[in-house]
C-alpha cells in the first residue's frame, strides 16, 4: 500500500478505463480523487457509481468534461443531476441502468470470483430484455454478470499504514464492495494512522484490497461535500 497525493494516485488511469466511484449522492464521494482525475485527462471512461453526479462538483465535474463515454448506475436522475441530464438528452453519454441491489451484487460477484448469478430483480421489465432467464423453485430469475473495474476511487474515514480502512457510518455505502472489484483501489481518507491504532474488529476493508491511500484531512473532505450540496 502506497501513500500518495491525489494527482499521483490517479496518474496511471488509462483512456477507456472502467472507474468505480464510491458514494451515495455526496455521502462517501471521493471528491479529491475525482478532482485529480479531472486534471489528469483520461477519456473514453466508463464510470460505475450509484448516482450520476450532484450539482457541478465531484462526479458531475468529471461528467462535464465530456470524457465519460458511459455511465452505469442505479439512480441517474435527481433534482440536481443537470450535468448528466444535459449530456444524456443530447446523446453525448451512454447510460446503463442497474437496480441498486443488482449493482452492488454484480460488483461483489466480481470481487468474489463468481461467474454469474440469478436474481429476481428486474425480471419482466425492460432491464431484463435480451438476458437469460430461468425459473427456479417456482420463481423467475434473470442472469446477471459480474461488474469489475480497472480502478476504484473510494472514500473512507481512516486508514492505517497497512491499508486497512474504517468508514464513517453510511459513507461506507459502495466503497467496500468496489474495493474488492477493482484491479487498483485508491482510498481517500481523513488520516493515516499506525497499524496498531485501528482495532482489527473495526476494520471494514482489509488492506489486501487497497493499493493506494491519499490523506486529505477531514476539513477538506467536509468542505468539498458542502460545496457539492450547495
C-alpha atoms as a PDB file:
ATOM      1  CA  UNK A   1       0.000   0.000   0.000  1.00  0.00           C
ATOM      2  CA  UNK A   2       1.380   3.376  -1.051  1.00  0.00           C
ATOM      3  CA  UNK A   3       0.543   6.747   0.490  1.00  0.00           C
ATOM      4  CA  UNK A   4       0.443   9.286  -2.323  1.00  0.00           C
ATOM      5  CA  UNK A   5      -1.109  12.623  -3.165  1.00  0.00           C
ATOM      6  CA  UNK A   6      -4.282  12.626  -5.242  1.00  0.00           C
ATOM      7  CA  UNK A   7      -2.578  13.541  -8.514  1.00  0.00           C
ATOM      8  CA  UNK A   8      -0.015  10.745  -8.242  1.00  0.00           C
ATOM      9  CA  UNK A   9      -2.669   8.257  -7.142  1.00  0.00           C
ATOM     10  CA  UNK A  10      -4.658   8.576 -10.394  1.00  0.00           C
ATOM     11  CA  UNK A  11      -1.794   9.383 -12.751  1.00  0.00           C
ATOM     12  CA  UNK A  12      -1.872   5.971 -14.473  1.00  0.00           C
ATOM     13  CA  UNK A  13      -5.620   5.805 -15.184  1.00  0.00           C
ATOM     14  CA  UNK A  14      -5.796   4.956 -18.878  1.00  0.00           C
ATOM     15  CA  UNK A  15      -8.129   6.097 -21.634  1.00  0.00           C
ATOM     16  CA  UNK A  16     -11.001   3.629 -21.898  1.00  0.00           C
ATOM     17  CA  UNK A  17     -10.761   2.580 -18.251  1.00  0.00           C
ATOM     18  CA  UNK A  18     -13.726   1.457 -16.173  1.00  0.00           C
ATOM     19  CA  UNK A  19     -13.734   3.527 -12.982  1.00  0.00           C
ATOM     20  CA  UNK A  20     -15.797   2.536  -9.936  1.00  0.00           C
ATOM     21  CA  UNK A  21     -16.675   5.628  -7.910  1.00  0.00           C
ATOM     22  CA  UNK A  22     -17.975   5.288  -4.368  1.00  0.00           C
ATOM     23  CA  UNK A  23     -20.744   7.429  -2.941  1.00  0.00           C
ATOM     24  CA  UNK A  24     -24.447   7.591  -2.292  1.00  0.00           C
ATOM     25  CA  UNK A  25     -25.176  11.069  -3.531  1.00  0.00           C
ATOM     26  CA  UNK A  26     -22.449  13.095  -1.841  1.00  0.00           C
ATOM     27  CA  UNK A  27     -22.040  10.711   1.120  1.00  0.00           C
ATOM     28  CA  UNK A  28     -18.769   8.858   0.690  1.00  0.00           C
ATOM     29  CA  UNK A  29     -17.916  10.608  -2.577  1.00  0.00           C
ATOM     30  CA  UNK A  30     -14.102  10.782  -3.114  1.00  0.00           C
ATOM     31  CA  UNK A  31     -14.055  14.449  -4.186  1.00  0.00           C
ATOM     32  CA  UNK A  32     -10.275  14.929  -4.122  1.00  0.00           C
ATOM     33  CA  UNK A  33      -9.619  11.847  -6.234  1.00  0.00           C
ATOM     34  CA  UNK A  34     -12.267  12.852  -8.770  1.00  0.00           C
ATOM     35  CA  UNK A  35     -10.838  16.369  -8.999  1.00  0.00           C
ATOM     36  CA  UNK A  36      -7.418  14.844  -9.633  1.00  0.00           C
ATOM     37  CA  UNK A  37      -8.874  12.617 -12.373  1.00  0.00           C
ATOM     38  CA  UNK A  38     -10.439  15.688 -13.994  1.00  0.00           C
ATOM     39  CA  UNK A  39      -6.994  17.283 -14.166  1.00  0.00           C
ATOM     40  CA  UNK A  40      -5.325  14.026 -15.241  1.00  0.00           C
ATOM     41  CA  UNK A  41      -7.191  13.962 -18.543  1.00  0.00           C
ATOM     42  CA  UNK A  42      -8.059  10.301 -19.173  1.00  0.00           C
ATOM     43  CA  UNK A  43     -11.007   9.952 -21.553  1.00  0.00           C
ATOM     44  CA  UNK A  44     -13.443   7.456 -23.051  1.00  0.00           C
ATOM     45  CA  UNK A  45     -14.187   6.344 -19.499  1.00  0.00           C
ATOM     46  CA  UNK A  46     -16.917   4.072 -18.213  1.00  0.00           C
ATOM     47  CA  UNK A  47     -17.962   5.202 -14.744  1.00  0.00           C
ATOM     48  CA  UNK A  48     -19.840   2.967 -12.311  1.00  0.00           C
ATOM     49  CA  UNK A  49     -21.497   4.717  -9.382  1.00  0.00           C
ATOM     50  CA  UNK A  50     -24.829   4.693  -7.611  1.00  0.00           C
ATOM     51  CA  UNK A  51     -25.770   8.164  -8.863  1.00  0.00           C
ATOM     52  CA  UNK A  52     -24.841  10.262 -11.903  1.00  0.00           C
ATOM     53  CA  UNK A  53     -23.473  13.294 -10.110  1.00  0.00           C
ATOM     54  CA  UNK A  54     -24.769  16.152  -7.968  1.00  0.00           C
ATOM     55  CA  UNK A  55     -24.623  19.824  -8.870  1.00  0.00           C
ATOM     56  CA  UNK A  56     -21.384  20.711 -10.614  1.00  0.00           C
ATOM     57  CA  UNK A  57     -18.764  19.183  -8.321  1.00  0.00           C
ATOM     58  CA  UNK A  58     -17.407  15.693  -7.748  1.00  0.00           C
ATOM     59  CA  UNK A  59     -18.677  13.171 -10.270  1.00  0.00           C
ATOM     60  CA  UNK A  60     -20.709  15.868 -12.042  1.00  0.00           C
ATOM     61  CA  UNK A  61     -17.488  17.804 -12.685  1.00  0.00           C
ATOM     62  CA  UNK A  62     -15.943  14.733 -14.301  1.00  0.00           C
ATOM     63  CA  UNK A  63     -19.016  14.208 -16.478  1.00  0.00           C
ATOM     64  CA  UNK A  64     -18.918  17.877 -17.515  1.00  0.00           C
ATOM     65  CA  UNK A  65     -15.510  17.349 -19.143  1.00  0.00           C
ATOM     66  CA  UNK A  66     -17.143  15.125 -21.762  1.00  0.00           C
ATOM     67  CA  UNK A  67     -14.601  12.389 -21.130  1.00  0.00           C
ATOM     68  CA  UNK A  68     -17.066   9.812 -19.779  1.00  0.00           C
ATOM     69  CA  UNK A  69     -18.403   7.595 -22.564  1.00  0.00           C
ATOM     70  CA  UNK A  70     -20.795   5.542 -20.447  1.00  0.00           C
ATOM     71  CA  UNK A  71     -22.464   5.810 -17.054  1.00  0.00           C
ATOM     72  CA  UNK A  72     -23.565   2.667 -15.193  1.00  0.00           C
ATOM     73  CA  UNK A  73     -25.709   3.488 -12.173  1.00  0.00           C
ATOM     74  CA  UNK A  74     -28.949   2.782 -10.361  1.00  0.00           C
ATOM     75  CA  UNK A  75     -30.270   6.310  -9.935  1.00  0.00           C
ATOM     76  CA  UNK A  76     -29.212   8.717 -12.718  1.00  0.00           C
ATOM     77  CA  UNK A  77     -31.864  11.400 -12.262  1.00  0.00           C
ATOM     78  CA  UNK A  78     -32.436  13.674  -9.300  1.00  0.00           C
ATOM     79  CA  UNK A  79     -33.154  17.406  -8.915  1.00  0.00           C
ATOM     80  CA  UNK A  80     -29.503  18.465  -9.192  1.00  0.00           C
ATOM     81  CA  UNK A  81     -28.291  15.993 -11.839  1.00  0.00           C
ATOM     82  CA  UNK A  82     -28.444  18.639 -14.573  1.00  0.00           C
ATOM     83  CA  UNK A  83     -24.970  17.899 -15.936  1.00  0.00           C
ATOM     84  CA  UNK A  84     -25.813  14.276 -16.644  1.00  0.00           C
ATOM     85  CA  UNK A  85     -29.293  15.198 -17.897  1.00  0.00           C
ATOM     86  CA  UNK A  86     -27.880  17.599 -20.478  1.00  0.00           C
ATOM     87  CA  UNK A  87     -25.324  15.075 -21.707  1.00  0.00           C
ATOM     88  CA  UNK A  88     -27.851  12.257 -21.954  1.00  0.00           C
ATOM     89  CA  UNK A  89     -30.549  14.294 -23.684  1.00  0.00           C
ATOM     90  CA  UNK A  90     -28.075  15.373 -26.368  1.00  0.00           C
ATOM     91  CA  UNK A  91     -26.707  11.869 -26.924  1.00  0.00           C
ATOM     92  CA  UNK A  92     -23.248  12.607 -25.558  1.00  0.00           C
ATOM     93  CA  UNK A  93     -23.206   9.846 -22.950  1.00  0.00           C
ATOM     94  CA  UNK A  94     -24.476   6.263 -22.779  1.00  0.00           C
ATOM     95  CA  UNK A  95     -26.470   5.016 -19.824  1.00  0.00           C
ATOM     96  CA  UNK A  96     -26.924   1.561 -18.348  1.00  0.00           C
ATOM     97  CA  UNK A  97     -29.440   1.493 -15.509  1.00  0.00           C
ATOM     98  CA  UNK A  98     -28.884  -1.296 -12.977  1.00  0.00           C
ATOM     99  CA  UNK A  99     -31.166  -1.814  -9.959  1.00  0.00           C
ATOM    100  CA  UNK A 100     -29.293  -0.833  -6.823  1.00  0.00           C
ATOM    101  CA  UNK A 101     -29.119  -4.305  -5.288  1.00  0.00           C
ATOM    102  CA  UNK A 102     -28.026  -5.805  -8.589  1.00  0.00           C
ATOM    103  CA  UNK A 103     -25.361  -3.121  -8.933  1.00  0.00           C
ATOM    104  CA  UNK A 104     -23.876  -3.981  -5.548  1.00  0.00           C
ATOM    105  CA  UNK A 105     -24.137  -7.727  -6.149  1.00  0.00           C
ATOM    106  CA  UNK A 106     -22.537  -7.539  -9.594  1.00  0.00           C
ATOM    107  CA  UNK A 107     -19.517  -5.825  -8.080  1.00  0.00           C
ATOM    108  CA  UNK A 108     -19.464  -8.233  -5.155  1.00  0.00           C
ATOM    109  CA  UNK A 109     -19.511 -11.114  -7.644  1.00  0.00           C
ATOM    110  CA  UNK A 110     -16.531  -9.593  -9.466  1.00  0.00           C
ATOM    111  CA  UNK A 111     -14.598  -9.374  -6.218  1.00  0.00           C
ATOM    112  CA  UNK A 112     -15.552 -12.887  -5.128  1.00  0.00           C
ATOM    113  CA  UNK A 113     -14.759 -14.549  -8.456  1.00  0.00           C
ATOM    114  CA  UNK A 114     -18.370 -15.561  -9.105  1.00  0.00           C
ATOM    115  CA  UNK A 115     -19.032 -16.140 -12.803  1.00  0.00           C
ATOM    116  CA  UNK A 116     -22.686 -15.046 -12.802  1.00  0.00           C
ATOM    117  CA  UNK A 117     -25.788 -15.181 -10.611  1.00  0.00           C
ATOM    118  CA  UNK A 118     -29.553 -15.334 -10.925  1.00  0.00           C
ATOM    119  CA  UNK A 119     -31.698 -12.623  -9.343  1.00  0.00           C
ATOM    120  CA  UNK A 120     -35.455 -11.969  -9.414  1.00  0.00           C
ATOM    121  CA  UNK A 121     -34.894  -8.218  -9.563  1.00  0.00           C
ATOM    122  CA  UNK A 122     -35.892  -6.692 -12.930  1.00  0.00           C
ATOM    123  CA  UNK A 123     -37.484  -9.884 -14.257  1.00  0.00           C
ATOM    124  CA  UNK A 124     -40.274  -8.996 -16.673  1.00  0.00           C
ATOM    125  CA  UNK A 125     -39.066  -5.405 -17.176  1.00  0.00           C
ATOM    126  CA  UNK A 126     -37.143  -3.689 -19.968  1.00  0.00           C
ATOM    127  CA  UNK A 127     -33.991  -4.075 -17.867  1.00  0.00           C
ATOM    128  CA  UNK A 128     -34.175  -7.841 -18.437  1.00  0.00           C
ATOM    129  CA  UNK A 129     -34.582  -7.677 -22.215  1.00  0.00           C
ATOM    130  CA  UNK A 130     -32.004  -9.799 -24.023  1.00  0.00           C
ATOM    131  CA  UNK A 131     -30.859 -11.507 -20.822  1.00  0.00           C
ATOM    132  CA  UNK A 132     -31.100 -15.167 -19.947  1.00  0.00           C
ATOM    133  CA  UNK A 133     -33.948 -16.050 -17.589  1.00  0.00           C
ATOM    134  CA  UNK A 134     -34.748 -19.158 -15.613  1.00  0.00           C
ATOM    135  CA  UNK A 135     -37.479 -20.445 -13.327  1.00  0.00           C
ATOM    136  CA  UNK A 136     -36.066 -21.815 -10.067  1.00  0.00           C
ATOM    137  CA  UNK A 137     -38.348 -23.229  -7.408  1.00  0.00           C
ATOM    138  CA  UNK A 138     -41.361 -21.633  -8.997  1.00  0.00           C
ATOM    139  CA  UNK A 139     -39.837 -18.146  -9.125  1.00  0.00           C
ATOM    140  CA  UNK A 140     -38.488 -16.364 -12.214  1.00  0.00           C
ATOM    141  CA  UNK A 141     -34.946 -15.031 -12.301  1.00  0.00           C
ATOM    142  CA  UNK A 142     -32.621 -13.021 -14.553  1.00  0.00           C
ATOM    143  CA  UNK A 143     -28.972 -13.924 -15.130  1.00  0.00           C
ATOM    144  CA  UNK A 144     -26.560 -11.114 -14.267  1.00  0.00           C
ATOM    145  CA  UNK A 145     -22.806 -10.983 -14.766  1.00  0.00           C
ATOM    146  CA  UNK A 146     -20.007  -9.554 -12.592  1.00  0.00           C
ATOM    147  CA  UNK A 147     -19.101  -5.894 -12.880  1.00  0.00           C
ATOM    148  CA  UNK A 148     -15.468  -5.127 -12.169  1.00  0.00           C
ATOM    149  CA  UNK A 149     -13.303  -2.082 -12.738  1.00  0.00           C
ATOM    150  CA  UNK A 150      -9.785  -1.103 -13.690  1.00  0.00           C
ATOM    151  CA  UNK A 151      -9.701   1.309 -10.772  1.00  0.00           C
ATOM    152  CA  UNK A 152     -11.910   2.088  -7.777  1.00  0.00           C
ATOM    153  CA  UNK A 153     -11.964   5.552  -6.227  1.00  0.00           C
ATOM    154  CA  UNK A 154     -13.463   5.405  -2.741  1.00  0.00           C
ATOM    155  CA  UNK A 155     -13.597   7.482   0.433  1.00  0.00           C
ATOM    156  CA  UNK A 156     -13.016   6.244   3.978  1.00  0.00           C
ATOM    157  CA  UNK A 157     -12.682   7.818   7.409  1.00  0.00           C
ATOM    158  CA  UNK A 158      -9.294   6.393   8.348  1.00  0.00           C
ATOM    159  CA  UNK A 159      -6.563   4.109   7.033  1.00  0.00           C
ATOM    160  CA  UNK A 160      -3.618   2.566   8.769  1.00  0.00           C
ATOM    161  CA  UNK A 161      -0.175   2.035   7.314  1.00  0.00           C
ATOM    162  CA  UNK A 162      -1.193  -1.459   6.176  1.00  0.00           C
ATOM    163  CA  UNK A 163      -4.098  -0.079   4.144  1.00  0.00           C
ATOM    164  CA  UNK A 164      -6.894  -1.270   6.415  1.00  0.00           C
ATOM    165  CA  UNK A 165      -9.919   1.027   6.192  1.00  0.00           C
ATOM    166  CA  UNK A 166     -12.699   2.139   8.507  1.00  0.00           C
ATOM    167  CA  UNK A 167     -15.612   4.243   7.308  1.00  0.00           C
ATOM    168  CA  UNK A 168     -17.887   6.878   8.796  1.00  0.00           C
ATOM    169  CA  UNK A 169     -21.339   5.323   9.113  1.00  0.00           C
ATOM    170  CA  UNK A 170     -23.305   5.348   5.838  1.00  0.00           C
ATOM    171  CA  UNK A 171     -20.382   6.910   3.981  1.00  0.00           C
ATOM    172  CA  UNK A 172     -19.154   3.345   3.578  1.00  0.00           C
ATOM    173  CA  UNK A 173     -22.023   2.566   1.117  1.00  0.00           C
ATOM    174  CA  UNK A 174     -20.431   1.100  -2.057  1.00  0.00           C
ATOM    175  CA  UNK A 175     -16.791   1.638  -1.053  1.00  0.00           C
ATOM    176  CA  UNK A 176     -16.068  -1.784   0.468  1.00  0.00           C
ATOM    177  CA  UNK A 177     -17.562  -3.791  -2.391  1.00  0.00           C
ATOM    178  CA  UNK A 178     -15.877  -1.602  -5.011  1.00  0.00           C
ATOM    179  CA  UNK A 179     -12.516  -2.120  -3.314  1.00  0.00           C
ATOM    180  CA  UNK A 180     -12.787  -5.858  -3.927  1.00  0.00           C
ATOM    181  CA  UNK A 181     -13.965  -5.485  -7.533  1.00  0.00           C
ATOM    182  CA  UNK A 182     -11.201  -3.302  -8.995  1.00  0.00           C
ATOM    183  CA  UNK A 183      -7.714  -4.093 -10.227  1.00  0.00           C
ATOM    184  CA  UNK A 184      -6.417  -0.992  -8.426  1.00  0.00           C
ATOM    185  CA  UNK A 185      -8.157   0.561  -5.428  1.00  0.00           C
ATOM    186  CA  UNK A 186      -7.422   4.108  -4.320  1.00  0.00           C
ATOM    187  CA  UNK A 187      -8.835   5.294  -0.995  1.00  0.00           C
ATOM    188  CA  UNK A 188      -9.218   8.918   0.004  1.00  0.00           C
ATOM    189  CA  UNK A 189      -9.112   9.206   3.821  1.00  0.00           C
ATOM    190  CA  UNK A 190      -9.123  11.839   6.528  1.00  0.00           C
ATOM    191  CA  UNK A 191      -5.976  10.458   8.104  1.00  0.00           C
ATOM    192  CA  UNK A 192      -3.438   7.627   8.059  1.00  0.00           C
ATOM    193  CA  UNK A 193      -2.502   6.123  11.422  1.00  0.00           C
ATOM    194  CA  UNK A 194      -0.119   3.430  12.581  1.00  0.00           C
ATOM    195  CA  UNK A 195      -1.161  -0.193  12.079  1.00  0.00           C
ATOM    196  CA  UNK A 196      -1.829  -0.795  15.764  1.00  0.00           C
ATOM    197  CA  UNK A 197      -4.141   2.221  16.101  1.00  0.00           C
ATOM    198  CA  UNK A 198      -7.149   0.596  14.424  1.00  0.00           C
ATOM    199  CA  UNK A 199      -8.949  -2.163  16.294  1.00  0.00           C
ATOM    200  CA  UNK A 200      -8.972  -5.188  13.969  1.00  0.00           C
ATOM    201  CA  UNK A 201     -12.648  -5.691  14.843  1.00  0.00           C
ATOM    202  CA  UNK A 202     -13.389  -2.230  13.372  1.00  0.00           C
ATOM    203  CA  UNK A 203     -11.736  -2.853  10.001  1.00  0.00           C
ATOM    204  CA  UNK A 204     -14.294  -2.875   7.184  1.00  0.00           C
ATOM    205  CA  UNK A 205     -12.000  -3.183   4.183  1.00  0.00           C
ATOM    206  CA  UNK A 206      -8.775  -5.159   4.745  1.00  0.00           C
ATOM    207  CA  UNK A 207      -5.586  -3.662   3.385  1.00  0.00           C
ATOM    208  CA  UNK A 208      -5.130  -6.518   0.908  1.00  0.00           C
ATOM    209  CA  UNK A 209      -7.785  -4.818  -1.227  1.00  0.00           C
ATOM    210  CA  UNK A 210      -6.239  -1.332  -1.043  1.00  0.00           C
ATOM    211  CA  UNK A 211      -3.371  -0.294  -3.285  1.00  0.00           C
ATOM    212  CA  UNK A 212      -3.055   3.441  -2.653  1.00  0.00           C
ATOM    213  CA  UNK A 213      -4.161   5.836   0.055  1.00  0.00           C
ATOM    214  CA  UNK A 214      -4.493   9.611  -0.130  1.00  0.00           C
ATOM    215  CA  UNK A 215      -4.789  11.563   3.132  1.00  0.00           C
ATOM    216  CA  UNK A 216      -6.856  14.703   2.513  1.00  0.00           C
ATOM    217  CA  UNK A 217      -7.954  15.702   6.017  1.00  0.00           C
ATOM    218  CA  UNK A 218     -11.452  15.936   7.436  1.00  0.00           C
ATOM    219  CA  UNK A 219     -11.789  19.687   6.836  1.00  0.00           C
ATOM    220  CA  UNK A 220     -11.074  19.373   3.112  1.00  0.00           C
ATOM    221  CA  UNK A 221     -13.484  16.458   2.755  1.00  0.00           C
ATOM    222  CA  UNK A 222     -16.287  18.258   4.584  1.00  0.00           C
ATOM    223  CA  UNK A 223     -15.738  21.474   2.605  1.00  0.00           C
ATOM    224  CA  UNK A 224     -15.895  19.569  -0.666  1.00  0.00           C
ATOM    225  CA  UNK A 225     -19.106  17.843   0.315  1.00  0.00           C
ATOM    226  CA  UNK A 226     -20.733  21.087   1.488  1.00  0.00           C
ATOM    227  CA  UNK A 227     -19.758  22.722  -1.805  1.00  0.00           C
ATOM    228  CA  UNK A 228     -21.473  19.922  -3.690  1.00  0.00           C
ATOM    229  CA  UNK A 229     -24.659  20.208  -1.620  1.00  0.00           C
ATOM    230  CA  UNK A 230     -24.766  23.989  -2.081  1.00  0.00           C
END
